[in-house]
Amino acid sequence: MTHPLYPQATRELAERRRALAPAQLAAFEAFSKAAFAEGALSAKMKQIIAGAVAHVTQCPYCIKGHTKAALRAGATEAELMEAIWVAAEMRAGGAFAHSALMLDAATPAPPPGA
């Protein structure tokens, strides 16, 4: 039997993770709760952002979890897809913008004393 690249998220795995580092997990859970709390941005908007970012970080667990959380918070599939396109543009834009590094490195150095 082969093992999947991304195992199913299970209660057993969650309990093992908690047992191995309970203080760190508690701190992360508190941080996550604070980050996704209603504030200047709505919980819905935060989940839409998280879903888009999850596509850039390519985390399948985050994609599934934040998609479900965004839908529960009232997001539509159209809103999620549009946010994913924004994230894709930003990722592509970053690659394009960093071409300045290549161009700079490829520019011949001026001759000494020039």
PDB file of N, CA and C in Angstrom:
ATOM      1  N   MET A   1       0.847  -1.184   0.000  1.00  0.00           N
ATOM      2  CA  MET A   1       0.000   0.000   0.000  1.00  0.00           C
ATOM      3  C   MET A   1       0.888   1.242   0.000  1.00  0.00           C
ATOM      4  N   THR A   2       0.598   2.178  -0.861  1.00  0.00           N
ATOM      5  CA  THR A   2       1.372   3.399  -0.915  1.00  0.00           C
ATOM      6  C   THR A   2       0.800   4.417   0.060  1.00  0.00           C
ATOM      7  N   HIS A   3       1.647   5.304   0.496  1.00  0.00           N
ATOM      8  CA  HIS A   3       1.210   6.373   1.396  1.00  0.00           C
ATOM      9  C   HIS A   3       0.976   7.631   0.578  1.00  0.00           C
ATOM     10  N   PRO A   4      -0.131   8.297   0.799  1.00  0.00           N
ATOM     11  CA  PRO A   4      -0.382   9.536   0.063  1.00  0.00           C
ATOM     12  C   PRO A   4       0.608  10.625   0.491  1.00  0.00           C
ATOM     13  N   LEU A   5       0.900  11.512  -0.432  1.00  0.00           N
ATOM     14  CA  LEU A   5       1.793  12.624  -0.123  1.00  0.00           C
ATOM     15  C   LEU A   5       1.239  13.450   1.037  1.00  0.00           C
ATOM     16  N   TYR A   6      -0.070  13.677   1.026  1.00  0.00           N
ATOM     17  CA  TYR A   6      -0.729  14.430   2.083  1.00  0.00           C
ATOM     18  C   TYR A   6      -1.715  13.509   2.787  1.00  0.00           C
ATOM     19  N   PRO A   7      -1.358  13.016   3.968  1.00  0.00           N
ATOM     20  CA  PRO A   7      -2.283  12.111   4.654  1.00  0.00           C
ATOM     21  C   PRO A   7      -3.553  12.844   5.080  1.00  0.00           C
ATOM     22  N   GLN A   8      -4.595  12.074   5.234  1.00  0.00           N
ATOM     23  CA  GLN A   8      -5.871  12.618   5.715  1.00  0.00           C
ATOM     24  C   GLN A   8      -5.658  13.220   7.103  1.00  0.00           C
ATOM     25  N   ALA A   9      -6.167  14.407   7.320  1.00  0.00           N
ATOM     26  CA  ALA A   9      -6.100  15.025   8.650  1.00  0.00           C
ATOM     27  C   ALA A   9      -7.042  14.247   9.560  1.00  0.00           C
ATOM     28  N   THR A  10      -6.512  13.680  10.619  1.00  0.00           N
ATOM     29  CA  THR A  10      -7.324  12.868  11.521  1.00  0.00           C
ATOM     30  C   THR A  10      -7.169  13.355  12.954  1.00  0.00           C
ATOM     31  N   ARG A  11      -8.102  12.931  13.789  1.00  0.00           N
ATOM     32  CA  ARG A  11      -8.037  13.248  15.216  1.00  0.00           C
ATOM     33  C   ARG A  11      -6.756  12.665  15.819  1.00  0.00           C
ATOM     34  N   GLU A  12      -6.384  11.463  15.383  1.00  0.00           N
ATOM     35  CA  GLU A  12      -5.176  10.823  15.904  1.00  0.00           C
ATOM     36  C   GLU A  12      -3.927  11.661  15.615  1.00  0.00           C
ATOM     37  N   LEU A  13      -3.798  12.160  14.393  1.00  0.00           N
ATOM     38  CA  LEU A  13      -2.642  12.998  14.064  1.00  0.00           C
ATOM     39  C   LEU A  13      -2.664  14.290  14.882  1.00  0.00           C
ATOM     40  N   ALA A  14      -3.851  14.868  15.033  1.00  0.00           N
ATOM     41  CA  ALA A  14      -3.966  16.100  15.817  1.00  0.00           C
ATOM     42  C   ALA A  14      -3.568  15.862  17.270  1.00  0.00           C
ATOM     43  N   GLU A  15      -3.985  14.732  17.827  1.00  0.00           N
ATOM     44  CA  GLU A  15      -3.631  14.415  19.218  1.00  0.00           C
ATOM     45  C   GLU A  15      -2.137  14.163  19.369  1.00  0.00           C
ATOM     46  N   ARG A  16      -1.530  13.492  18.390  1.00  0.00           N
ATOM     47  CA  ARG A  16      -0.077  13.277  18.437  1.00  0.00           C
ATOM     48  C   ARG A  16       0.669  14.599  18.378  1.00  0.00           C
ATOM     49  N   ARG A  17       0.223  15.490  17.492  1.00  0.00           N
ATOM     50  CA  ARG A  17       0.860  16.804  17.357  1.00  0.00           C
ATOM     51  C   ARG A  17       0.752  17.569  18.672  1.00  0.00           C
ATOM     52  N   ARG A  18      -0.421  17.525  19.303  1.00  0.00           N
ATOM     53  CA  ARG A  18      -0.618  18.217  20.582  1.00  0.00           C
ATOM     54  C   ARG A  18       0.273  17.615  21.672  1.00  0.00           C
ATOM     55  N   ALA A  19       0.371  16.292  21.723  1.00  0.00           N
ATOM     56  CA  ALA A  19       1.172  15.625  22.752  1.00  0.00           C
ATOM     57  C   ALA A  19       2.661  15.937  22.606  1.00  0.00           C
ATOM     58  N   LEU A  20       3.121  16.118  21.390  1.00  0.00           N
ATOM     59  CA  LEU A  20       4.546  16.367  21.152  1.00  0.00           C
ATOM     60  C   LEU A  20       4.977  17.791  21.479  1.00  0.00           C
ATOM     61  N   ALA A  21       4.063  18.742  21.365  1.00  0.00           N
ATOM     62  CA  ALA A  21       4.420  20.144  21.626  1.00  0.00           C
ATOM     63  C   ALA A  21       3.180  20.906  22.091  1.00  0.00           C
ATOM     64  N   PRO A  22       2.667  20.598  23.291  1.00  0.00           N
ATOM     65  CA  PRO A  22       1.396  21.203  23.720  1.00  0.00           C
ATOM     66  C   PRO A  22       1.461  22.720  23.907  1.00  0.00           C
ATOM     67  N   ALA A  23       2.536  23.227  24.448  1.00  0.00           N
ATOM     68  CA  ALA A  23       2.618  24.674  24.680  1.00  0.00           C
ATOM     69  C   ALA A  23       2.667  25.440  23.361  1.00  0.00           C
ATOM     70  N   GLN A  24       3.439  24.927  22.432  1.00  0.00           N
ATOM     71  CA  GLN A  24       3.548  25.598  21.136  1.00  0.00           C
ATOM     72  C   GLN A  24       2.214  25.556  20.392  1.00  0.00           C
ATOM     73  N   LEU A  25       1.532  24.425  20.451  1.00  0.00           N
ATOM     74  CA  LEU A  25       0.240  24.319  19.779  1.00  0.00           C
ATOM     75  C   LEU A  25      -0.779  25.259  20.418  1.00  0.00           C
ATOM     76  N   ALA A  26      -0.773  25.346  21.740  1.00  0.00           N
ATOM     77  CA  ALA A  26      -1.701  26.258  22.424  1.00  0.00           C
ATOM     78  C   ALA A  26      -1.429  27.705  22.010  1.00  0.00           C
ATOM     79  N   ALA A  27      -0.153  28.059  21.904  1.00  0.00           N
ATOM     80  CA  ALA A  27       0.204  29.416  21.493  1.00  0.00           C
ATOM     81  C   ALA A  27      -0.228  29.673  20.050  1.00  0.00           C
ATOM     82  N   PHE A  28      -0.026  28.697  19.185  1.00  0.00           N
ATOM     83  CA  PHE A  28      -0.430  28.854  17.794  1.00  0.00           C
ATOM     84  C   PHE A  28      -1.945  28.985  17.678  1.00  0.00           C
ATOM     85  N   GLU A  29      -2.673  28.180  18.430  1.00  0.00           N
ATOM     86  CA  GLU A  29      -4.138  28.253  18.390  1.00  0.00           C
ATOM     87  C   GLU A  29      -4.636  29.609  18.876  1.00  0.00           C
ATOM     88  N   ALA A  30      -4.009  30.165  19.915  1.00  0.00           N
ATOM     89  CA  ALA A  30      -4.397  31.485  20.406  1.00  0.00           C
ATOM     90  C   ALA A  30      -4.093  32.558  19.362  1.00  0.00           C
ATOM     91  N   PHE A  31      -2.926  32.441  18.728  1.00  0.00           N
ATOM     92  CA  PHE A  31      -2.539  33.384  17.672  1.00  0.00           C
ATOM     93  C   PHE A  31      -3.528  33.323  16.509  1.00  0.00           C
ATOM     94  N   SER A  32      -3.871  32.106  16.096  1.00  0.00           N
ATOM     95  CA  SER A  32      -4.801  31.921  14.992  1.00  0.00           C
ATOM     96  C   SER A  32      -6.169  32.513  15.323  1.00  0.00           C
ATOM     97  N   LYS A  33      -6.640  32.255  16.535  1.00  0.00           N
ATOM     98  CA  LYS A  33      -7.936  32.793  16.957  1.00  0.00           C
ATOM     99  C   LYS A  33      -7.926  34.320  16.914  1.00  0.00           C
ATOM    100  N   ALA A  34      -6.847  34.929  17.382  1.00  0.00           N
ATOM    101  CA  ALA A  34      -6.735  36.388  17.362  1.00  0.00           C
ATOM    102  C   ALA A  34      -6.650  36.916  15.931  1.00  0.00           C
ATOM    103  N   ALA A  35      -5.902  36.232  15.084  1.00  0.00           N
ATOM    104  CA  ALA A  35      -5.726  36.693  13.709  1.00  0.00           C
ATOM    105  C   ALA A  35      -7.036  36.664  12.925  1.00  0.00           C
ATOM    106  N   PHE A  36      -7.890  35.682  13.207  1.00  0.00           N
ATOM    107  CA  PHE A  36      -9.128  35.545  12.452  1.00  0.00           C
ATOM    108  C   PHE A  36     -10.338  36.167  13.139  1.00  0.00           C
ATOM    109  N   ALA A  37     -10.141  36.827  14.265  1.00  0.00           N
ATOM    110  CA  ALA A  37     -11.244  37.484  14.968  1.00  0.00           C
ATOM    111  C   ALA A  37     -11.728  38.703  14.170  1.00  0.00           C
ATOM    112  N   GLU A  38     -12.994  39.039  14.359  1.00  0.00           N
ATOM    113  CA  GLU A  38     -13.541  40.249  13.743  1.00  0.00           C
ATOM    114  C   GLU A  38     -12.697  41.439  14.167  1.00  0.00           C
ATOM    115  N   GLY A  39     -12.451  42.325  13.260  1.00  0.00           N
ATOM    116  CA  GLY A  39     -11.666  43.522  13.547  1.00  0.00           C
ATOM    117  C   GLY A  39     -11.903  44.532  12.445  1.00  0.00           C
ATOM    118  N   ALA A  40     -10.854  45.224  12.016  1.00  0.00           N
ATOM    119  CA  ALA A  40     -10.989  46.154  10.903  1.00  0.00           C
ATOM    120  C   ALA A  40     -11.424  45.414   9.643  1.00  0.00           C
ATOM    121  N   LEU A  41     -11.037  44.140   9.536  1.00  0.00           N
ATOM    122  CA  LEU A  41     -11.510  43.268   8.466  1.00  0.00           C
ATOM    123  C   LEU A  41     -12.515  42.293   9.058  1.00  0.00           C
ATOM    124  N   SER A  42     -13.510  41.967   8.290  1.00  0.00           N
ATOM    125  CA  SER A  42     -14.499  40.992   8.759  1.00  0.00           C
ATOM    126  C   SER A  42     -13.890  39.597   8.768  1.00  0.00           C
ATOM    127  N   ALA A  43     -14.491  38.712   9.540  1.00  0.00           N
ATOM    128  CA  ALA A  43     -14.048  37.314   9.558  1.00  0.00           C
ATOM    129  C   ALA A  43     -14.180  36.716   8.154  1.00  0.00           C
ATOM    130  N   LYS A  44     -15.218  37.087   7.432  1.00  0.00           N
ATOM    131  CA  LYS A  44     -15.399  36.612   6.053  1.00  0.00           C
ATOM    132  C   LYS A  44     -14.220  37.035   5.182  1.00  0.00           C
ATOM    133  N   MET A  45     -13.855  38.304   5.231  1.00  0.00           N
ATOM    134  CA  MET A  45     -12.759  38.806   4.404  1.00  0.00           C
ATOM    135  C   MET A  45     -11.448  38.132   4.784  1.00  0.00           C
ATOM    136  N   LYS A  46     -11.235  37.923   6.072  1.00  0.00           N
ATOM    137  CA  LYS A  46     -10.004  37.259   6.515  1.00  0.00           C
ATOM    138  C   LYS A  46      -9.932  35.838   5.985  1.00  0.00           C
ATOM    139  N   GLN A  47     -11.062  35.147   5.927  1.00  0.00           N
ATOM    140  CA  GLN A  47     -11.061  33.786   5.404  1.00  0.00           C
ATOM    141  C   GLN A  47     -10.862  33.773   3.886  1.00  0.00           C
ATOM    142  N   ILE A  48     -11.394  34.758   3.202  1.00  0.00           N
ATOM    143  CA  ILE A  48     -11.152  34.882   1.756  1.00  0.00           C
ATOM    144  C   ILE A  48      -9.666  35.107   1.503  1.00  0.00           C
ATOM    145  N   ILE A  49      -9.060  36.000   2.268  1.00  0.00           N
ATOM    146  CA  ILE A  49      -7.620  36.259   2.134  1.00  0.00           C
ATOM    147  C   ILE A  49      -6.834  34.984   2.428  1.00  0.00           C
ATOM    148  N   ALA A  50      -7.198  34.295   3.504  1.00  0.00           N
ATOM    149  CA  ALA A  50      -6.489  33.075   3.873  1.00  0.00           C
ATOM    150  C   ALA A  50      -6.599  32.030   2.769  1.00  0.00           C
ATOM    151  N   GLY A  51      -7.754  31.918   2.159  1.00  0.00           N
ATOM    152  CA  GLY A  51      -7.913  30.968   1.061  1.00  0.00           C
ATOM    153  C   GLY A  51      -7.028  31.307  -0.121  1.00  0.00           C
ATOM    154  N   ALA A  52      -6.935  32.583  -0.441  1.00  0.00           N
ATOM    155  CA  ALA A  52      -6.074  33.005  -1.552  1.00  0.00           C
ATOM    156  C   ALA A  52      -4.602  32.765  -1.226  1.00  0.00           C
ATOM    157  N   VAL A  53      -4.206  33.119  -0.026  1.00  0.00           N
ATOM    158  CA  VAL A  53      -2.813  32.901   0.382  1.00  0.00           C
ATOM    159  C   VAL A  53      -2.487  31.412   0.398  1.00  0.00           C
ATOM    160  N   ALA A  54      -3.431  30.587   0.804  1.00  0.00           N
ATOM    161  CA  ALA A  54      -3.209  29.136   0.832  1.00  0.00           C
ATOM    162  C   ALA A  54      -2.874  28.607  -0.560  1.00  0.00           C
ATOM    163  N   HIS A  55      -3.438  29.222  -1.576  1.00  0.00           N
ATOM    164  CA  HIS A  55      -3.108  28.794  -2.935  1.00  0.00           C
ATOM    165  C   HIS A  55      -1.684  29.189  -3.302  1.00  0.00           C
ATOM    166  N   VAL A  56      -1.217  30.316  -2.808  1.00  0.00           N
ATOM    167  CA  VAL A  56       0.160  30.733  -3.078  1.00  0.00           C
ATOM    168  C   VAL A  56       1.148  29.856  -2.302  1.00  0.00           C
ATOM    169  N   THR A  57       0.815  29.539  -1.052  1.00  0.00           N
ATOM    170  CA  THR A  57       1.697  28.672  -0.260  1.00  0.00           C
ATOM    171  C   THR A  57       1.521  27.211  -0.631  1.00  0.00           C
ATOM    172  N   GLN A  58       0.475  26.906  -1.379  1.00  0.00           N
ATOM    173  CA  GLN A  58       0.176  25.573  -1.906  1.00  0.00           C
ATOM    174  C   GLN A  58      -0.011  24.536  -0.803  1.00  0.00           C
ATOM    175  N   CYS A  59      -0.736  24.936   0.236  1.00  0.00           N
ATOM    176  CA  CYS A  59      -1.033  24.022   1.342  1.00  0.00           C
ATOM    177  C   CYS A  59      -2.435  23.445   1.139  1.00  0.00           C
ATOM    178  N   PRO A  60      -2.545  22.151   0.788  1.00  0.00           N
ATOM    179  CA  PRO A  60      -3.873  21.594   0.540  1.00  0.00           C
ATOM    180  C   PRO A  60      -4.760  21.591   1.776  1.00  0.00           C
ATOM    181  N   TYR A  61      -4.178  21.424   2.958  1.00  0.00           N
ATOM    182  CA  TYR A  61      -4.979  21.454   4.185  1.00  0.00           C
ATOM    183  C   TYR A  61      -5.579  22.848   4.384  1.00  0.00           C
ATOM    184  N   CYS A  62      -4.760  23.876   4.155  1.00  0.00           N
ATOM    185  CA  CYS A  62      -5.239  25.254   4.313  1.00  0.00           C
ATOM    186  C   CYS A  62      -6.272  25.612   3.250  1.00  0.00           C
ATOM    187  N   ILE A  63      -6.050  25.150   2.008  1.00  0.00           N
ATOM    188  CA  ILE A  63      -7.012  25.430   0.944  1.00  0.00           C
ATOM    189  C   ILE A  63      -8.375  24.878   1.337  1.00  0.00           C
ATOM    190  N   LYS A  64      -8.413  23.619   1.753  1.00  0.00           N
ATOM    191  CA  LYS A  64      -9.693  23.004   2.120  1.00  0.00           C
ATOM    192  C   LYS A  64     -10.297  23.671   3.354  1.00  0.00           C
ATOM    193  N   GLY A  65      -9.497  23.855   4.395  1.00  0.00           N
ATOM    194  CA  GLY A  65     -10.014  24.406   5.646  1.00  0.00           C
ATOM    195  C   GLY A  65     -10.505  25.832   5.514  1.00  0.00           C
ATOM    196  N   HIS A  66      -9.737  26.678   4.840  1.00  0.00           N
ATOM    197  CA  HIS A  66     -10.132  28.082   4.729  1.00  0.00           C
ATOM    198  C   HIS A  66     -11.248  28.274   3.700  1.00  0.00           C
ATOM    199  N   THR A  67     -11.329  27.390   2.700  1.00  0.00           N
ATOM    200  CA  THR A  67     -12.470  27.446   1.780  1.00  0.00           C
ATOM    201  C   THR A  67     -13.756  27.173   2.554  1.00  0.00           C
ATOM    202  N   LYS A  68     -13.749  26.118   3.351  1.00  0.00           N
ATOM    203  CA  LYS A  68     -14.942  25.784   4.140  1.00  0.00           C
ATOM    204  C   LYS A  68     -15.271  26.896   5.135  1.00  0.00           C
ATOM    205  N   ALA A  69     -14.236  27.444   5.804  1.00  0.00           N
ATOM    206  CA  ALA A  69     -14.466  28.513   6.778  1.00  0.00           C
ATOM    207  C   ALA A  69     -14.993  29.767   6.091  1.00  0.00           C
ATOM    208  N   ALA A  70     -14.487  30.087   4.909  1.00  0.00           N
ATOM    209  CA  ALA A  70     -14.954  31.265   4.173  1.00  0.00           C
ATOM    210  C   ALA A  70     -16.412  31.096   3.761  1.00  0.00           C
ATOM    211  N   LEU A  71     -16.764  29.915   3.282  1.00  0.00           N
ATOM    212  CA  LEU A  71     -18.156  29.663   2.896  1.00  0.00           C
ATOM    213  C   LEU A  71     -19.086  29.758   4.108  1.00  0.00           C
ATOM    214  N   ARG A  72     -18.640  29.215   5.259  1.00  0.00           N
ATOM    215  CA  ARG A  72     -19.447  29.335   6.494  1.00  0.00           C
ATOM    216  C   ARG A  72     -19.613  30.799   6.906  1.00  0.00           C
ATOM    217  N   ALA A  73     -18.586  31.616   6.622  1.00  0.00           N
ATOM    218  CA  ALA A  73     -18.641  33.036   6.989  1.00  0.00           C
ATOM    219  C   ALA A  73     -19.420  33.863   5.974  1.00  0.00           C
ATOM    220  N   GLY A  74     -19.932  33.224   4.921  1.00  0.00           N
ATOM    221  CA  GLY A  74     -20.769  33.934   3.962  1.00  0.00           C
ATOM    222  C   GLY A  74     -20.116  34.247   2.634  1.00  0.00           C
ATOM    223  N   ALA A  75     -18.900  33.810   2.410  1.00  0.00           N
ATOM    224  CA  ALA A  75     -18.233  34.053   1.133  1.00  0.00           C
ATOM    225  C   ALA A  75     -18.893  33.224   0.038  1.00  0.00           C
ATOM    226  N   THR A  76     -18.779  33.705  -1.174  1.00  0.00           N
ATOM    227  CA  THR A  76     -19.283  32.960  -2.323  1.00  0.00           C
ATOM    228  C   THR A  76     -18.109  32.329  -3.069  1.00  0.00           C
ATOM    229  N   GLU A  77     -18.423  31.347  -3.895  1.00  0.00           N
ATOM    230  CA  GLU A  77     -17.383  30.739  -4.726  1.00  0.00           C
ATOM    231  C   GLU A  77     -16.763  31.784  -5.647  1.00  0.00           C
ATOM    232  N   ALA A  78     -17.573  32.713  -6.151  1.00  0.00           N
ATOM    233  CA  ALA A  78     -17.062  33.763  -7.035  1.00  0.00           C
ATOM    234  C   ALA A  78     -16.065  34.651  -6.292  1.00  0.00           C
ATOM    235  N   GLU A  79     -16.367  35.000  -5.040  1.00  0.00           N
ATOM    236  CA  GLU A  79     -15.431  35.816  -4.252  1.00  0.00           C
ATOM    237  C   GLU A  79     -14.119  35.069  -4.031  1.00  0.00           C
ATOM    238  N   LEU A  80     -14.229  33.781  -3.705  1.00  0.00           N
ATOM    239  CA  LEU A  80     -13.018  32.989  -3.485  1.00  0.00           C
ATOM    240  C   LEU A  80     -12.187  32.887  -4.761  1.00  0.00           C
ATOM    241  N   MET A  81     -12.823  32.636  -5.883  1.00  0.00           N
ATOM    242  CA  MET A  81     -12.087  32.507  -7.144  1.00  0.00           C
ATOM    243  C   MET A  81     -11.421  33.813  -7.521  1.00  0.00           C
ATOM    244  N   GLU A  82     -12.121  34.915  -7.324  1.00  0.00           N
ATOM    245  CA  GLU A  82     -11.541  36.220  -7.649  1.00  0.00           C
ATOM    246  C   GLU A  82     -10.326  36.501  -6.765  1.00  0.00           C
ATOM    247  N   ALA A  83     -10.419  36.151  -5.495  1.00  0.00           N
ATOM    248  CA  ALA A  83      -9.279  36.343  -4.588  1.00  0.00           C
ATOM    249  C   ALA A  83      -8.097  35.468  -5.006  1.00  0.00           C
ATOM    250  N   ILE A  84      -8.383  34.257  -5.484  1.00  0.00           N
ATOM    251  CA  ILE A  84      -7.304  33.376  -5.952  1.00  0.00           C
ATOM    252  C   ILE A  84      -6.621  33.990  -7.168  1.00  0.00           C
ATOM    253  N   TRP A  85      -7.388  34.612  -8.050  1.00  0.00           N
ATOM    254  CA  TRP A  85      -6.774  35.272  -9.204  1.00  0.00           C
ATOM    255  C   TRP A  85      -5.895  36.440  -8.771  1.00  0.00           C
ATOM    256  N   VAL A  86      -6.310  37.170  -7.760  1.00  0.00           N
ATOM    257  CA  VAL A  86      -5.464  38.258  -7.231  1.00  0.00           C
ATOM    258  C   VAL A  86      -4.159  37.676  -6.686  1.00  0.00           C
ATOM    259  N   ALA A  87      -4.268  36.584  -5.927  1.00  0.00           N
ATOM    260  CA  ALA A  87      -3.067  35.951  -5.378  1.00  0.00           C
ATOM    261  C   ALA A  87      -2.156  35.452  -6.491  1.00  0.00           C
ATOM    262  N   ALA A  88      -2.737  34.871  -7.539  1.00  0.00           N
ATOM    263  CA  ALA A  88      -1.944  34.385  -8.668  1.00  0.00           C
ATOM    264  C   ALA A  88      -1.224  35.540  -9.357  1.00  0.00           C
ATOM    265  N   GLU A  89      -1.909  36.663  -9.517  1.00  0.00           N
ATOM    266  CA  GLU A  89      -1.279  37.827 -10.146  1.00  0.00           C
ATOM    267  C   GLU A  89      -0.119  38.344  -9.303  1.00  0.00           C
ATOM    268  N   MET A  90      -0.318  38.363  -7.996  1.00  0.00           N
ATOM    269  CA  MET A  90       0.745  38.839  -7.109  1.00  0.00           C
ATOM    270  C   MET A  90       1.958  37.917  -7.170  1.00  0.00           C
ATOM    271  N   ARG A  91       1.721  36.617  -7.238  1.00  0.00           N
ATOM    272  CA  ARG A  91       2.825  35.659  -7.332  1.00  0.00           C
ATOM    273  C   ARG A  91       3.570  35.838  -8.648  1.00  0.00           C
ATOM    274  N   ALA A  92       2.823  35.971  -9.749  1.00  0.00           N
ATOM    275  CA  ALA A  92       3.440  36.191 -11.050  1.00  0.00           C
ATOM    276  C   ALA A  92       4.130  37.552 -11.094  1.00  0.00           C
ATOM    277  N   GLY A  93       3.484  38.556 -10.497  1.00  0.00           N
ATOM    278  CA  GLY A  93       4.071  39.898 -10.472  1.00  0.00           C
ATOM    279  C   GLY A  93       5.385  39.924  -9.715  1.00  0.00           C
ATOM    280  N   GLY A  94       5.472  39.124  -8.644  1.00  0.00           N
ATOM    281  CA  GLY A  94       6.723  39.053  -7.897  1.00  0.00           C
ATOM    282  C   GLY A  94       7.853  38.492  -8.736  1.00  0.00           C
ATOM    283  N   ALA A  95       7.559  37.470  -9.509  1.00  0.00           N
ATOM    284  CA  ALA A  95       8.579  36.889 -10.400  1.00  0.00           C
ATOM    285  C   ALA A  95       9.006  37.913 -11.440  1.00  0.00           C
ATOM    286  N   PHE A  96       8.045  38.602 -12.029  1.00  0.00           N
ATOM    287  CA  PHE A  96       8.356  39.634 -13.019  1.00  0.00           C
ATOM    288  C   PHE A  96       9.185  40.761 -12.409  1.00  0.00           C
ATOM    289  N   ALA A  97       8.770  41.252 -11.254  1.00  0.00           N
ATOM    290  CA  ALA A  97       9.486  42.368 -10.615  1.00  0.00           C
ATOM    291  C   ALA A  97      10.923  41.980 -10.272  1.00  0.00           C
ATOM    292  N   HIS A  98      11.119  40.730  -9.868  1.00  0.00           N
ATOM    293  CA  HIS A  98      12.469  40.295  -9.517  1.00  0.00           C
ATOM    294  C   HIS A  98      13.375  40.126 -10.731  1.00  0.00           C
ATOM    295  N   SER A  99      12.832  40.257 -11.935  1.00  0.00           N
ATOM    296  CA  SER A  99      13.691  40.223 -13.120  1.00  0.00           C
ATOM    297  C   SER A  99      14.695  41.371 -13.086  1.00  0.00           C
ATOM    298  N   ALA A 100      14.394  42.399 -12.299  1.00  0.00           N
ATOM    299  CA  ALA A 100      15.357  43.499 -12.137  1.00  0.00           C
ATOM    300  C   ALA A 100      16.676  42.989 -11.556  1.00  0.00           C
ATOM    301  N   LEU A 101      16.612  41.967 -10.709  1.00  0.00           N
ATOM    302  CA  LEU A 101      17.838  41.386 -10.155  1.00  0.00           C
ATOM    303  C   LEU A 101      18.662  40.727 -11.254  1.00  0.00           C
ATOM    304  N   MET A 102      17.999  39.984 -12.150  1.00  0.00           N
ATOM    305  CA  MET A 102      18.689  39.354 -13.264  1.00  0.00           C
ATOM    306  C   MET A 102      19.299  40.397 -14.168  1.00  0.00           C
ATOM    307  N   LEU A 103      18.525  41.428 -14.507  1.00  0.00           N
ATOM    308  CA  LEU A 103      19.035  42.467 -15.400  1.00  0.00           C
ATOM    309  C   LEU A 103      20.229  43.175 -14.787  1.00  0.00           C
ATOM    310  N   ASP A 104      20.164  43.436 -13.489  1.00  0.00           N
ATOM    311  CA  ASP A 104      21.279  44.083 -12.811  1.00  0.00           C
ATOM    312  C   ASP A 104      22.514  43.189 -12.817  1.00  0.00           C
ATOM    313  N   ALA A 105      22.317  41.899 -12.534  1.00  0.00           N
ATOM    314  CA  ALA A 105      23.441  40.974 -12.511  1.00  0.00           C
ATOM    315  C   ALA A 105      24.027  40.753 -13.901  1.00  0.00           C
ATOM    316  N   ALA A 106      23.204  40.865 -14.949  1.00  0.00           N
ATOM    317  CA  ALA A 106      23.661  40.630 -16.303  1.00  0.00           C
ATOM    318  C   ALA A 106      24.319  41.862 -16.921  1.00  0.00           C
ATOM    319  N   THR A 107      24.154  43.010 -16.295  1.00  0.00           N
ATOM    320  CA  THR A 107      24.757  44.243 -16.820  1.00  0.00           C
ATOM    321  C   THR A 107      26.257  44.181 -16.604  1.00  0.00           C
ATOM    322  N   PRO A 108      27.010  44.317 -17.685  1.00  0.00           N
ATOM    323  CA  PRO A 108      28.474  44.275 -17.520  1.00  0.00           C
ATOM    324  C   PRO A 108      28.949  45.391 -16.597  1.00  0.00           C
ATOM    325  N   ALA A 109      29.916  45.064 -15.775  1.00  0.00           N
ATOM    326  CA  ALA A 109      30.512  46.075 -14.891  1.00  0.00           C
ATOM    327  C   ALA A 109      31.325  47.054 -15.727  1.00  0.00           C
ATOM    328  N   PRO A 110      31.321  48.308 -15.334  1.00  0.00           N
ATOM    329  CA  PRO A 110      32.137  49.274 -16.104  1.00  0.00           C
ATOM    330  C   PRO A 110      33.622  48.917 -15.935  1.00  0.00           C
ATOM    331  N   PRO A 111      34.413  49.224 -16.959  1.00  0.00           N
ATOM    332  CA  PRO A 111      35.839  48.932 -16.841  1.00  0.00           C
ATOM    333  C   PRO A 111      36.462  49.753 -15.717  1.00  0.00           C
ATOM    334  N   PRO A 112      37.505  49.241 -15.098  1.00  0.00           N
ATOM    335  CA  PRO A 112      38.168  50.005 -14.028  1.00  0.00           C
ATOM    336  C   PRO A 112      38.596  51.380 -14.513  1.00  0.00           C
ATOM    337  N   GLY A 113      38.363  52.339 -13.703  1.00  0.00           N
ATOM    338  CA  GLY A 113      38.744  53.714 -14.004  1.00  0.00           C
ATOM    339  C   GLY A 113      37.788  54.432 -14.937  1.00  0.00           C
ATOM    340  N   ALA A 114      36.676  53.798 -15.266  1.00  0.00           N
ATOM    341  CA  ALA A 114      35.737  54.447 -16.184  1.00  0.00           C
ATOM    342  C   ALA A 114      34.806  55.360 -15.437  1.00  0.00           C
TER     343      ALA A 114
END
